[in-house]
């Protein structure tokens, strides 16, 4: 079985995803309310993702990709440069 080197592996735990979503929210200048509205979810649900207390499904990750006008989940997770870097 082939292993993936740590520096090439995606970090996909709830805390890392929450930090990345928070970073993108701030880069784009959205409030939590605006982001929750844009993702069509309650603020409490969004806060669960942002604070790493909730695991994001692939559906939620794709919603975030579209919301931030990114090209891929990899870009959302910080593996590719964003348009604002």
N, C-alpha and C. Protein backbone atom coordinates (compact mmCIF):
# COMPACT_ATOMS: atom_id res chain seq x y z
N UNK A 1 0.84 -1.18 0.00
CA UNK A 1 0.00 0.00 0.00
C UNK A 1 0.89 1.25 0.00
N UNK A 2 0.56 2.19 -0.84
CA UNK A 2 1.34 3.41 -0.98
C UNK A 2 0.91 4.45 0.05
N UNK A 3 1.87 5.08 0.68
CA UNK A 3 1.52 6.12 1.65
C UNK A 3 1.78 7.50 1.03
N UNK A 4 1.04 8.47 1.50
CA UNK A 4 1.16 9.84 1.00
C UNK A 4 2.05 10.60 1.96
N UNK A 5 3.09 11.29 1.46
CA UNK A 5 3.94 12.08 2.36
C UNK A 5 3.11 13.12 3.10
N UNK A 6 3.48 13.37 4.34
CA UNK A 6 2.72 14.31 5.17
C UNK A 6 2.61 15.70 4.56
N UNK A 7 3.67 16.19 3.94
CA UNK A 7 3.61 17.55 3.40
C UNK A 7 2.71 17.67 2.17
N UNK A 8 2.33 16.54 1.56
CA UNK A 8 1.43 16.57 0.41
C UNK A 8 0.00 16.18 0.79
N UNK A 9 -0.19 15.71 2.01
CA UNK A 9 -1.51 15.25 2.44
C UNK A 9 -2.40 16.44 2.77
N UNK A 10 -3.66 16.30 2.46
CA UNK A 10 -4.62 17.33 2.82
C UNK A 10 -4.93 17.23 4.30
N UNK A 11 -5.01 18.36 4.96
CA UNK A 11 -5.44 18.38 6.35
C UNK A 11 -6.92 18.67 6.33
N UNK A 12 -7.71 17.68 6.65
CA UNK A 12 -9.16 17.80 6.50
C UNK A 12 -9.93 17.62 7.79
N UNK A 13 -9.27 17.82 8.92
CA UNK A 13 -10.01 17.71 10.17
C UNK A 13 -10.87 18.96 10.36
N UNK A 14 -11.85 18.85 11.23
CA UNK A 14 -12.84 19.92 11.43
C UNK A 14 -12.18 21.24 11.83
N UNK A 15 -11.16 21.18 12.67
CA UNK A 15 -10.51 22.41 13.13
C UNK A 15 -9.78 23.10 11.98
N UNK A 16 -9.06 22.34 11.16
CA UNK A 16 -8.33 22.93 10.03
C UNK A 16 -9.29 23.53 9.00
N UNK A 17 -10.36 22.83 8.72
CA UNK A 17 -11.35 23.35 7.77
C UNK A 17 -11.99 24.61 8.34
N UNK A 18 -12.30 24.61 9.62
CA UNK A 18 -12.89 25.79 10.25
C UNK A 18 -11.97 27.00 10.18
N UNK A 19 -10.68 26.76 10.43
CA UNK A 19 -9.71 27.87 10.34
C UNK A 19 -9.64 28.42 8.92
N UNK A 20 -9.66 27.51 7.95
CA UNK A 20 -9.59 27.96 6.55
C UNK A 20 -10.84 28.73 6.15
N UNK A 21 -12.01 28.24 6.57
CA UNK A 21 -13.26 28.96 6.27
C UNK A 21 -13.26 30.34 6.92
N UNK A 22 -12.76 30.41 8.15
CA UNK A 22 -12.68 31.71 8.84
C UNK A 22 -11.72 32.65 8.11
N UNK A 23 -10.60 32.11 7.67
CA UNK A 23 -9.63 32.92 6.93
C UNK A 23 -10.25 33.47 5.64
N UNK A 24 -10.92 32.62 4.90
CA UNK A 24 -11.56 33.07 3.66
C UNK A 24 -12.67 34.08 3.94
N UNK A 25 -13.41 33.87 5.00
CA UNK A 25 -14.48 34.81 5.35
C UNK A 25 -13.89 36.20 5.59
N UNK A 26 -12.78 36.25 6.31
CA UNK A 26 -12.15 37.53 6.61
C UNK A 26 -11.51 38.15 5.37
N UNK A 27 -10.86 37.33 4.55
CA UNK A 27 -10.25 37.84 3.30
C UNK A 27 -11.30 38.50 2.42
N UNK A 28 -12.48 37.88 2.35
CA UNK A 28 -13.54 38.39 1.48
C UNK A 28 -14.40 39.45 2.16
N UNK A 29 -14.18 39.67 3.44
CA UNK A 29 -14.87 40.74 4.15
C UNK A 29 -16.31 40.43 4.53
N UNK A 30 -16.65 39.16 4.70
CA UNK A 30 -18.01 38.80 5.07
C UNK A 30 -18.16 38.69 6.58
N UNK A 31 -19.31 39.09 7.07
CA UNK A 31 -19.66 38.83 8.47
C UNK A 31 -20.15 37.38 8.55
N UNK A 32 -20.25 36.86 9.74
CA UNK A 32 -20.79 35.50 9.91
C UNK A 32 -22.23 35.45 9.39
N UNK A 33 -22.99 36.50 9.66
CA UNK A 33 -24.38 36.55 9.18
C UNK A 33 -24.43 36.51 7.65
N UNK A 34 -23.61 37.30 6.99
CA UNK A 34 -23.58 37.32 5.52
C UNK A 34 -23.17 35.97 4.95
N UNK A 35 -22.18 35.35 5.58
CA UNK A 35 -21.71 34.06 5.10
C UNK A 35 -22.78 32.98 5.31
N UNK A 36 -23.41 32.99 6.45
CA UNK A 36 -24.48 32.02 6.73
C UNK A 36 -25.62 32.19 5.73
N UNK A 37 -25.99 33.42 5.45
CA UNK A 37 -27.05 33.68 4.46
C UNK A 37 -26.63 33.18 3.08
N UNK A 38 -25.38 33.46 2.70
CA UNK A 38 -24.88 33.05 1.40
C UNK A 38 -24.79 31.54 1.24
N UNK A 39 -24.54 30.84 2.35
CA UNK A 39 -24.47 29.38 2.32
C UNK A 39 -25.82 28.74 2.62
N UNK A 40 -26.82 29.58 2.88
CA UNK A 40 -28.17 29.11 3.15
C UNK A 40 -28.21 28.14 4.34
N UNK A 41 -27.61 28.60 5.45
CA UNK A 41 -27.62 27.78 6.67
C UNK A 41 -27.73 28.70 7.88
N UNK A 42 -28.23 28.16 8.98
CA UNK A 42 -28.32 28.97 10.20
C UNK A 42 -26.92 29.38 10.68
N UNK A 43 -26.84 30.54 11.32
CA UNK A 43 -25.56 31.01 11.88
C UNK A 43 -24.97 30.00 12.85
N UNK A 44 -25.81 29.36 13.64
CA UNK A 44 -25.29 28.39 14.62
C UNK A 44 -24.60 27.22 13.92
N UNK A 45 -25.13 26.80 12.79
CA UNK A 45 -24.51 25.72 12.02
C UNK A 45 -23.16 26.19 11.47
N UNK A 46 -23.14 27.38 10.87
CA UNK A 46 -21.90 27.92 10.33
C UNK A 46 -20.85 28.06 11.43
N UNK A 47 -21.24 28.57 12.58
CA UNK A 47 -20.29 28.73 13.68
C UNK A 47 -19.71 27.38 14.10
N UNK A 48 -20.51 26.33 14.04
CA UNK A 48 -20.01 24.99 14.34
C UNK A 48 -18.87 24.60 13.40
N UNK A 49 -19.02 24.95 12.11
CA UNK A 49 -17.95 24.68 11.14
C UNK A 49 -16.74 25.58 11.40
N UNK A 50 -16.99 26.88 11.58
CA UNK A 50 -15.90 27.84 11.77
C UNK A 50 -15.07 27.55 13.01
N UNK A 51 -15.71 27.06 14.06
CA UNK A 51 -15.01 26.79 15.32
C UNK A 51 -14.52 25.35 15.42
N UNK A 52 -14.66 24.58 14.33
CA UNK A 52 -14.17 23.22 14.32
C UNK A 52 -14.95 22.25 15.19
N UNK A 53 -16.20 22.59 15.48
CA UNK A 53 -17.04 21.75 16.32
C UNK A 53 -17.94 20.84 15.50
N UNK A 54 -17.94 21.03 14.19
CA UNK A 54 -18.80 20.28 13.27
C UNK A 54 -17.99 19.86 12.06
N UNK A 55 -18.19 18.65 11.59
CA UNK A 55 -17.53 18.19 10.38
C UNK A 55 -18.32 18.64 9.16
N UNK A 56 -17.61 19.20 8.20
CA UNK A 56 -18.26 19.68 6.97
C UNK A 56 -18.38 18.53 5.97
N UNK A 57 -19.58 18.35 5.44
CA UNK A 57 -19.79 17.34 4.40
C UNK A 57 -19.23 17.86 3.08
N UNK A 58 -19.12 16.97 2.10
CA UNK A 58 -18.69 17.41 0.77
C UNK A 58 -19.66 18.44 0.20
N UNK A 59 -20.93 18.29 0.47
CA UNK A 59 -21.93 19.26 0.00
C UNK A 59 -21.63 20.64 0.56
N UNK A 60 -21.34 20.72 1.84
CA UNK A 60 -21.03 22.01 2.47
C UNK A 60 -19.74 22.59 1.89
N UNK A 61 -18.73 21.73 1.67
CA UNK A 61 -17.48 22.21 1.09
C UNK A 61 -17.71 22.77 -0.30
N UNK A 62 -18.53 22.09 -1.12
CA UNK A 62 -18.82 22.61 -2.46
C UNK A 62 -19.62 23.91 -2.40
N UNK A 63 -20.52 24.02 -1.43
CA UNK A 63 -21.26 25.29 -1.26
C UNK A 63 -20.26 26.42 -0.99
N UNK A 64 -19.28 26.14 -0.14
CA UNK A 64 -18.27 27.15 0.21
C UNK A 64 -17.41 27.49 -1.02
N UNK A 65 -17.06 26.49 -1.82
CA UNK A 65 -16.30 26.74 -3.05
C UNK A 65 -17.05 27.73 -3.93
N UNK A 66 -18.34 27.48 -4.12
CA UNK A 66 -19.15 28.37 -4.97
C UNK A 66 -19.32 29.75 -4.32
N UNK A 67 -19.54 29.78 -3.02
CA UNK A 67 -19.75 31.04 -2.31
C UNK A 67 -18.53 31.96 -2.44
N UNK A 68 -17.34 31.38 -2.31
CA UNK A 68 -16.11 32.18 -2.39
C UNK A 68 -15.56 32.29 -3.82
N UNK A 69 -16.30 31.75 -4.80
CA UNK A 69 -15.91 31.82 -6.21
C UNK A 69 -14.53 31.18 -6.44
N UNK A 70 -14.34 30.02 -5.83
CA UNK A 70 -13.10 29.28 -6.00
C UNK A 70 -13.29 28.23 -7.08
N UNK A 71 -12.22 27.53 -7.42
CA UNK A 71 -12.27 26.55 -8.50
C UNK A 71 -12.37 25.10 -8.03
N UNK A 72 -12.02 24.84 -6.77
CA UNK A 72 -11.98 23.46 -6.32
C UNK A 72 -11.98 23.38 -4.80
N UNK A 73 -12.26 22.18 -4.31
CA UNK A 73 -12.16 21.94 -2.87
C UNK A 73 -10.70 22.07 -2.43
N UNK A 74 -9.77 21.67 -3.29
CA UNK A 74 -8.35 21.82 -2.97
C UNK A 74 -8.00 23.28 -2.71
N UNK A 75 -8.53 24.16 -3.56
CA UNK A 75 -8.29 25.59 -3.35
C UNK A 75 -8.94 26.05 -2.05
N UNK A 76 -10.13 25.56 -1.77
CA UNK A 76 -10.81 25.91 -0.52
C UNK A 76 -9.96 25.50 0.68
N UNK A 77 -9.32 24.34 0.59
CA UNK A 77 -8.52 23.83 1.70
C UNK A 77 -7.12 24.42 1.74
N UNK A 78 -6.82 25.30 0.78
CA UNK A 78 -5.53 25.99 0.80
C UNK A 78 -4.42 25.28 0.07
N UNK A 79 -4.74 24.30 -0.76
CA UNK A 79 -3.71 23.59 -1.52
C UNK A 79 -3.35 24.30 -2.80
N UNK A 80 -4.17 25.23 -3.26
CA UNK A 80 -3.90 26.01 -4.46
C UNK A 80 -4.03 27.48 -4.06
N UNK A 81 -3.30 28.37 -4.71
CA UNK A 81 -3.42 29.80 -4.36
C UNK A 81 -4.82 30.32 -4.65
N UNK A 82 -5.31 31.16 -3.77
CA UNK A 82 -6.60 31.79 -4.02
C UNK A 82 -6.40 33.02 -4.89
N UNK A 83 -7.47 33.57 -5.39
CA UNK A 83 -7.40 34.73 -6.28
C UNK A 83 -6.92 35.97 -5.55
N UNK A 84 -6.97 35.96 -4.21
CA UNK A 84 -6.63 37.15 -3.44
C UNK A 84 -5.20 37.12 -2.92
N UNK A 85 -4.43 36.07 -3.26
CA UNK A 85 -3.05 35.99 -2.75
C UNK A 85 -2.08 36.58 -3.73
